[in-house]
Amino acid sequence: MNPQPSIVPLRRGGDSGLDAVTGAFSYSGRSIAQALLESGRTVRTLTGHPGRAPESPAIDVRSLDFDDPIGLAASLDGVNTLYNTYWVRFAHKNVDHQLAVENSRALFHAARQAGVQRIVHVSITHPSANSSLPYFRGKALVERALAETGVPYAVLRPAILFGGNDVLINNIAWLLRHSPLFAIGGRGDYRIRAIHVEDLARLCLEKGSESGNSVTDAVGPEQPTFVELVNMIKDAIGSRSRLVHVPGSTLPTLSRIVGLVLGDVLLTRDEYRAMANALADSDAPTTGPTRISQWLVENGSTLGRNYANEIKRHFEPAGRAARSASEFVESAR
C-alpha cells in the first residue's frame, strides 16, 4: 500500500451541501444515499467498481482506491459528511478483516486530509479489540482508528439488518421455501435485535446533522430468539419446512456444504459463534421503530422468492451491477 498523505488541520467552514457515501449501489449504502437525495443533499459515492454506475447517475461516482491515498483524498474534496459502510463480511480470496481495517484507516485519513467535517460510520454491536472473532475485533480497531483521526464522528452499531435487498432474512426464507428441513444450531434461544435498513439510514442522517462524537446501538424494538425469528419467517411465507435442532458445532459444517452447492457462503463458524454468544442482541434503547414481526407479515408473499448470493453480489459481471444501479437511480428520483 502506498504511504498515506500527511495529516493536516481540519477545514472549518460552512456546509457544502455535498455528502459522500461508500458503496451507494450496495445495501445499507444504497438506503443512506437515497435518504440523502430525498432530503435535498448532493451525493457522491466512493465505490470499488466505478465502471458499474449508470451512464447518468443521480450521484457523483468516484473510485474507492485504497492504494491511492492522494486520489482518495481528492475524491472526498468538498465533502461535508462521509457516511461509511465499507467492510467485509468474511475473508474471501485476498481480502480479509485485517486488510479491511487497514483500508478503513486509509479512508479516514483521506477524509481528514480532504477536510471532511464529519464521519458517520456503520459498525457492529459489541465490537471488542480483545475478541477472538476477527469480524468483531476488526470492527473495534476501525472504531479506534476513526477516533484517532480527530474528525468529529458518530458510530452506529447495528446487529442485523432487514428490509430492502438484505441477505440473511431473505435467504432464511428461501431455504424455508425450498428445503423440507431447516437446521437450528443448539436450542436457538440466542436473541436477535434487528433494525430495518431504512431506519438505519434515517438514523445515519440524524447523526450526520449533529456536531459531537457519539456511539449508538442501531436496534429495532423487538428481540426474538433465533428460533422465534425463523418461525415468524416460516409463518409469513407459509412454509411447511420442519425445524430441526442440531449441535451448534455441526451447523457451520452443514452451512458450508449447502454453500458449496449454491456457490456462496451461507453462515460462517464465526457468525454462528457471534449469534450464540449474544453478540447480535443489545439491551440499548430502541433507535429504529420498524417491527420485524410486522414487516414479515407485510412482505411474506415476496420474501425469499430469489436467493441472494453474497459472492455474486460482490463479484458479478458489470452489466448486471449497472442494471441494479440504474434501478436505484430511478427509485431515488
Protein backbone atom coordinates (compact mmCIF):
# COMPACT_ATOMS: atom_id res chain seq x y z
CA MET A 1 0.00 0.00 0.00
CA ASN A 2 1.29 3.48 -0.84
CA PRO A 3 2.23 5.85 2.01
CA GLN A 4 -0.65 7.90 3.37
CA PRO A 5 -0.60 11.67 2.94
CA SER A 6 0.38 13.69 5.98
CA ILE A 7 -2.40 14.84 8.30
CA VAL A 8 -3.39 18.49 8.03
CA PRO A 9 -5.75 20.58 10.15
CA LEU A 10 -9.46 20.11 9.62
CA ARG A 11 -11.15 22.54 7.25
CA ARG A 12 -13.60 24.74 9.08
CA GLY A 13 -16.38 26.36 7.16
CA GLY A 14 -19.99 26.22 6.15
CA ASP A 15 -21.93 23.22 4.93
CA SER A 16 -21.01 22.49 1.32
CA GLY A 17 -24.28 20.60 0.76
CA LEU A 18 -22.27 17.64 -0.54
CA ASP A 19 -22.07 14.32 1.29
CA ALA A 20 -20.27 11.10 0.38
CA VAL A 21 -21.40 7.51 0.86
CA THR A 22 -19.21 4.46 0.40
CA GLY A 23 -20.97 1.85 -1.71
CA ALA A 24 -24.11 3.77 -2.68
CA PHE A 25 -25.14 0.95 -5.04
CA SER A 26 -24.80 -1.73 -2.36
CA TYR A 27 -27.12 -2.50 0.57
CA SER A 28 -27.04 -0.09 3.52
CA GLY A 29 -25.12 2.45 1.44
CA ARG A 30 -27.93 2.42 -1.09
CA SER A 31 -30.53 3.29 1.56
CA ILE A 32 -28.34 6.02 3.03
CA ALA A 33 -27.70 7.58 -0.38
CA GLN A 34 -31.39 7.52 -1.25
CA ALA A 35 -32.33 9.13 2.07
CA LEU A 36 -29.74 11.86 1.46
CA LEU A 37 -31.07 12.54 -2.04
CA GLU A 38 -34.63 12.71 -0.74
CA SER A 39 -33.53 15.23 1.88
CA GLY A 40 -32.11 17.51 -0.80
CA ARG A 41 -28.42 16.74 -0.35
CA THR A 42 -25.96 16.35 -3.19
CA VAL A 43 -24.44 12.88 -3.02
CA ARG A 44 -21.13 11.44 -4.12
CA THR A 45 -20.28 7.78 -3.84
CA LEU A 46 -16.90 6.13 -3.46
CA THR A 47 -17.03 2.65 -4.95
CA GLY A 48 -14.57 -0.05 -5.83
CA HIS A 49 -16.46 -0.54 -9.10
CA PRO A 50 -16.98 2.91 -10.66
CA GLY A 51 -17.50 1.35 -14.07
CA ARG A 52 -20.70 -0.29 -12.85
CA ALA A 53 -22.53 3.01 -12.34
CA PRO A 54 -25.27 4.02 -14.82
CA GLU A 55 -24.37 6.48 -17.57
CA SER A 56 -26.29 9.38 -15.99
CA PRO A 57 -26.32 8.68 -12.26
CA ALA A 58 -28.17 10.84 -9.77
CA ILE A 59 -24.97 10.85 -7.76
CA ASP A 60 -21.35 11.66 -8.49
CA VAL A 61 -19.31 8.44 -8.80
CA ARG A 62 -15.68 8.26 -7.68
CA SER A 63 -13.24 5.40 -7.23
CA LEU A 64 -12.67 3.84 -3.80
CA ASP A 65 -9.00 3.01 -4.36
CA PHE A 66 -7.28 2.41 -1.02
CA ASP A 67 -3.88 2.11 -2.73
CA ASP A 68 -4.11 5.71 -3.95
CA PRO A 69 -4.35 7.91 -0.82
CA ILE A 70 -3.90 11.13 -2.79
CA GLY A 71 -6.68 10.19 -5.19
CA LEU A 72 -8.84 9.05 -2.28
CA ALA A 73 -8.47 12.43 -0.61
CA ALA A 74 -9.24 14.17 -3.91
CA SER A 75 -12.44 12.12 -4.21
CA LEU A 76 -13.51 13.48 -0.82
CA ASP A 77 -12.67 17.10 -1.57
CA GLY A 78 -15.59 19.39 -0.80
CA VAL A 79 -17.50 16.72 1.13
CA ASN A 80 -19.20 17.82 4.31
CA THR A 81 -20.11 14.41 5.81
CA LEU A 82 -18.78 10.97 4.93
CA TYR A 83 -21.14 8.05 5.54
CA ASN A 84 -19.00 4.95 5.72
CA THR A 85 -20.45 1.46 5.26
CA TYR A 86 -17.26 -0.18 3.96
CA TRP A 87 -16.42 -3.57 5.45
CA VAL A 88 -16.11 -7.24 4.51
CA ARG A 89 -18.45 -9.87 5.91
CA PHE A 90 -15.95 -12.71 5.59
CA ALA A 91 -12.47 -13.31 4.22
CA HIS A 92 -12.54 -14.07 0.51
CA LYS A 93 -9.61 -14.53 -1.85
CA ASN A 94 -7.03 -11.87 -0.96
CA VAL A 95 -9.35 -9.73 1.18
CA ASP A 96 -9.68 -10.33 4.91
CA HIS A 97 -10.68 -8.39 8.01
CA GLN A 98 -7.15 -7.15 8.71
CA LEU A 99 -6.96 -5.63 5.24
CA ALA A 100 -10.41 -4.09 5.79
CA VAL A 101 -9.06 -2.42 8.95
CA GLU A 102 -6.09 -1.00 7.04
CA ASN A 103 -8.36 0.18 4.23
CA SER A 104 -10.72 1.86 6.69
CA ARG A 105 -7.82 3.64 8.35
CA ALA A 106 -6.66 4.89 4.93
CA LEU A 107 -10.18 6.15 4.19
CA PHE A 108 -10.43 8.06 7.48
CA HIS A 109 -7.03 9.68 6.98
CA ALA A 110 -8.02 10.69 3.46
CA ALA A 111 -11.22 12.21 4.85
CA ARG A 112 -9.23 14.34 7.28
CA GLN A 113 -6.77 15.30 4.54
CA ALA A 114 -9.68 16.44 2.37
CA GLY A 115 -11.22 18.50 5.17
CA VAL A 116 -14.32 16.35 5.68
CA GLN A 117 -16.12 17.84 8.65
CA ARG A 118 -17.92 14.75 9.98
CA ILE A 119 -17.86 10.97 9.59
CA VAL A 120 -20.84 8.71 10.26
CA HIS A 121 -19.56 5.16 10.49
CA VAL A 122 -21.61 1.95 10.45
CA SER A 123 -20.06 -0.61 12.81
CA ILE A 124 -21.49 -3.64 14.68
CA THR A 125 -22.90 -4.34 18.13
CA HIS A 126 -20.35 -5.44 20.74
CA PRO A 127 -17.08 -4.76 18.91
CA SER A 128 -14.04 -5.65 21.00
CA ALA A 129 -10.32 -5.40 20.34
CA ASN A 130 -9.94 -8.50 22.55
CA SER A 131 -12.50 -10.58 20.64
CA SER A 132 -11.44 -13.97 19.28
CA LEU A 133 -13.68 -13.26 16.28
CA PRO A 134 -11.83 -11.35 13.51
CA TYR A 135 -15.02 -9.55 12.44
CA PHE A 136 -15.70 -8.03 15.86
CA ARG A 137 -12.04 -7.42 16.64
CA GLY A 138 -11.62 -5.67 13.31
CA LYS A 139 -14.67 -3.50 13.86
CA ALA A 140 -13.26 -2.36 17.21
CA LEU A 141 -9.94 -1.46 15.61
CA VAL A 142 -11.75 0.53 12.92
CA GLU A 143 -13.66 2.48 15.57
CA ARG A 144 -10.36 3.21 17.30
CA ALA A 145 -8.81 4.38 14.04
CA LEU A 146 -11.78 6.69 13.46
CA ALA A 147 -11.44 8.28 16.90
CA GLU A 148 -7.71 8.81 16.36
CA THR A 149 -8.22 10.91 13.21
CA GLY A 150 -9.69 13.80 15.16
CA VAL A 151 -12.59 14.23 12.73
CA PRO A 152 -15.93 14.59 14.59
CA TYR A 153 -17.80 11.31 14.26
CA ALA A 154 -20.86 9.24 15.02
CA VAL A 155 -20.65 5.46 15.22
CA LEU A 156 -23.79 3.42 14.66
CA ARG A 157 -23.80 -0.20 15.74
CA PRO A 158 -26.45 -2.40 14.12
CA ALA A 159 -26.57 -6.13 14.85
CA ILE A 160 -28.52 -7.42 11.85
CA LEU A 161 -30.30 -5.53 9.07
CA PHE A 162 -33.51 -6.45 7.31
CA GLY A 163 -35.60 -4.95 4.52
CA GLY A 164 -34.63 -3.95 1.02
CA ASN A 165 -32.36 -6.47 -0.67
CA ASP A 166 -31.00 -7.99 2.54
CA VAL A 167 -29.20 -11.34 2.57
CA LEU A 168 -29.83 -13.03 5.92
CA ILE A 169 -33.61 -12.82 6.31
CA ASN A 170 -34.21 -13.32 2.59
CA ASN A 171 -32.05 -16.43 2.44
CA ILE A 172 -33.61 -17.96 5.54
CA ALA A 173 -36.95 -17.53 3.76
CA TRP A 174 -35.52 -19.01 0.55
CA LEU A 175 -34.27 -22.09 2.40
CA LEU A 176 -37.62 -22.46 4.17
CA ARG A 177 -39.34 -22.36 0.78
CA HIS A 178 -37.06 -24.93 -0.84
CA SER A 179 -35.99 -27.37 1.85
CA PRO A 180 -38.13 -29.83 3.85
CA LEU A 181 -35.77 -29.34 6.82
CA PHE A 182 -34.21 -26.25 8.35
CA ALA A 183 -31.35 -26.66 10.84
CA ILE A 184 -31.24 -24.62 14.07
CA GLY A 185 -27.93 -24.55 15.93
CA GLY A 186 -28.36 -25.62 19.54
CA ARG A 187 -31.56 -24.55 21.27
CA GLY A 188 -31.84 -21.43 19.13
CA ASP A 189 -32.54 -19.33 22.22
CA TYR A 190 -29.99 -16.64 21.34
CA ARG A 191 -31.72 -13.33 20.64
CA ILE A 192 -31.60 -11.17 17.51
CA ARG A 193 -32.06 -7.38 17.67
CA ALA A 194 -32.53 -6.44 14.01
CA ILE A 195 -33.13 -2.97 12.55
CA HIS A 196 -34.76 -2.10 9.24
CA VAL A 197 -32.22 -0.75 6.75
CA GLU A 198 -34.28 2.39 6.11
CA ASP A 199 -34.46 3.07 9.86
CA LEU A 200 -30.67 2.77 9.93
CA ALA A 201 -30.44 5.24 7.04
CA ARG A 202 -32.65 7.76 8.82
CA LEU A 203 -30.59 7.36 11.98
CA CYS A 204 -27.42 7.96 9.98
CA LEU A 205 -28.81 11.25 8.67
CA GLU A 206 -29.83 12.30 12.18
CA LYS A 207 -26.33 11.64 13.47
CA GLY A 208 -24.87 13.36 10.45
CA SER A 209 -26.61 16.58 11.46
CA GLU A 210 -25.16 16.54 14.98
CA SER A 211 -21.82 18.01 15.99
CA GLY A 212 -20.35 15.95 18.85
CA ASN A 213 -18.88 12.47 18.94
CA SER A 214 -21.29 9.64 19.71
CA VAL A 215 -21.65 5.85 19.72
CA THR A 216 -25.16 4.42 19.36
CA ASP A 217 -26.56 0.92 19.03
CA ALA A 218 -28.82 0.88 15.97
CA VAL A 219 -31.50 -1.57 17.02
CA GLY A 220 -35.17 -2.23 16.45
CA PRO A 221 -37.94 -2.66 19.05
CA GLU A 222 -38.08 -6.48 19.09
CA GLN A 223 -35.72 -9.16 20.43
CA PRO A 224 -36.95 -12.55 19.23
CA THR A 225 -34.84 -15.62 19.80
CA PHE A 226 -33.42 -17.08 16.63
CA VAL A 227 -35.89 -19.95 16.62
CA GLU A 228 -38.75 -17.47 17.17
CA LEU A 229 -37.46 -15.42 14.23
CA VAL A 230 -37.28 -18.46 11.96
CA ASN A 231 -40.82 -19.44 12.96
CA MET A 232 -42.03 -15.90 12.19
CA ILE A 233 -40.45 -16.12 8.73
CA LYS A 234 -41.89 -19.60 8.25
CA ASP A 235 -45.40 -18.42 9.11
CA ALA A 236 -45.10 -15.30 6.96
CA ILE A 237 -44.23 -17.26 3.81
CA GLY A 238 -46.45 -20.26 4.55
CA SER A 239 -43.57 -22.74 4.68
CA ARG A 240 -44.06 -26.36 5.75
CA SER A 241 -40.36 -26.89 6.37
CA ARG A 242 -39.58 -28.70 9.62
CA LEU A 243 -37.18 -27.08 12.08
CA VAL A 244 -34.51 -29.49 13.30
CA HIS A 245 -32.18 -28.70 16.19
CA VAL A 246 -28.58 -29.78 15.62
CA PRO A 247 -25.44 -29.34 17.76
CA GLY A 248 -24.05 -25.84 17.38
CA SER A 249 -20.69 -27.24 16.32
CA THR A 250 -22.40 -29.03 13.42
CA LEU A 251 -24.30 -26.08 11.94
CA PRO A 252 -21.35 -24.29 10.28
CA THR A 253 -20.35 -27.54 8.57
CA LEU A 254 -23.89 -28.06 7.27
CA SER A 255 -23.96 -24.43 6.12
CA ARG A 256 -20.66 -24.89 4.31
CA ILE A 257 -21.96 -27.95 2.45
CA VAL A 258 -25.09 -26.10 1.31
CA GLY A 259 -22.93 -23.11 0.43
CA LEU A 260 -20.76 -25.22 -1.82
CA VAL A 261 -23.87 -26.35 -3.70
CA LEU A 262 -25.08 -22.76 -4.05
CA GLY A 263 -21.65 -21.29 -4.77
CA ASP A 264 -21.93 -18.98 -1.77
CA VAL A 265 -21.17 -18.56 1.94
CA LEU A 266 -24.35 -19.04 3.96
CA LEU A 267 -23.07 -18.84 7.52
CA THR A 268 -19.51 -18.92 8.79
CA ARG A 269 -18.40 -20.57 12.02
CA ASP A 270 -17.58 -17.14 13.48
CA GLU A 271 -21.01 -15.79 12.54
CA TYR A 272 -22.72 -18.65 14.34
CA ARG A 273 -20.47 -18.18 17.39
CA ALA A 274 -21.35 -14.49 17.45
CA MET A 275 -25.09 -15.19 17.46
CA ALA A 276 -24.77 -17.98 20.04
CA ASN A 277 -22.76 -15.65 22.30
CA ALA A 278 -25.48 -12.96 22.18
CA LEU A 279 -23.46 -10.55 20.03
CA ALA A 280 -26.50 -9.99 17.77
CA ASP A 281 -28.51 -8.75 20.75
CA SER A 282 -28.49 -5.47 22.66
CA ASP A 283 -30.20 -4.00 25.71
CA ALA A 284 -29.85 -0.46 24.35
CA PRO A 285 -32.89 1.78 23.76
CA THR A 286 -34.76 1.29 20.51
CA THR A 287 -33.45 3.53 17.73
CA GLY A 288 -35.42 2.10 14.79
CA PRO A 289 -39.25 1.84 15.03
CA THR A 290 -39.98 -0.85 12.42
CA ARG A 291 -41.06 -4.15 13.95
CA ILE A 292 -39.60 -7.14 12.15
CA SER A 293 -42.66 -9.22 13.05
CA GLN A 294 -44.99 -6.79 11.29
CA TRP A 295 -42.62 -6.32 8.37
CA LEU A 296 -42.51 -10.09 7.82
CA VAL A 297 -46.31 -10.27 7.72
CA GLU A 298 -46.44 -7.44 5.17
CA ASN A 299 -43.68 -8.84 2.95
CA GLY A 300 -44.10 -12.60 3.31
CA SER A 301 -45.54 -13.09 -0.16
CA THR A 302 -42.34 -11.88 -1.86
CA LEU A 303 -39.72 -12.75 0.74
CA GLY A 304 -37.26 -15.44 -0.28
CA ARG A 305 -38.54 -15.83 -3.85
CA ASN A 306 -34.98 -15.46 -5.11
CA TYR A 307 -31.74 -16.48 -3.45
CA ALA A 308 -29.36 -13.60 -2.63
CA ASN A 309 -25.85 -14.79 -3.45
CA GLU A 310 -23.30 -12.85 -1.42
CA ILE A 311 -20.35 -13.91 -3.58
CA LYS A 312 -22.06 -12.96 -6.84
CA ARG A 313 -23.16 -9.62 -5.41
CA HIS A 314 -19.55 -8.61 -4.93
CA PHE A 315 -18.08 -10.30 -8.00
CA GLU A 316 -20.92 -10.24 -10.51
CA PRO A 317 -20.47 -9.03 -14.11
CA ALA A 318 -20.50 -5.27 -14.56
CA GLY A 319 -23.58 -5.34 -16.78
CA ARG A 320 -25.82 -6.82 -14.11
CA ALA A 321 -24.47 -4.44 -11.47
CA ALA A 322 -25.06 -1.48 -13.75
CA ARG A 323 -28.69 -2.50 -14.22
CA SER A 324 -29.06 -2.69 -10.44
CA ALA A 325 -27.53 0.78 -10.14
CA SER A 326 -29.89 2.12 -12.78
CA GLU A 327 -32.86 0.77 -10.84
CA PHE A 328 -31.51 2.60 -7.79
CA VAL A 329 -31.26 5.89 -9.67
CA GLU A 330 -34.83 5.61 -10.92
CA SER A 331 -36.14 4.88 -7.43
CA ALA A 332 -34.16 7.78 -5.99
CA ARG A 333 -35.64 10.39 -8.31
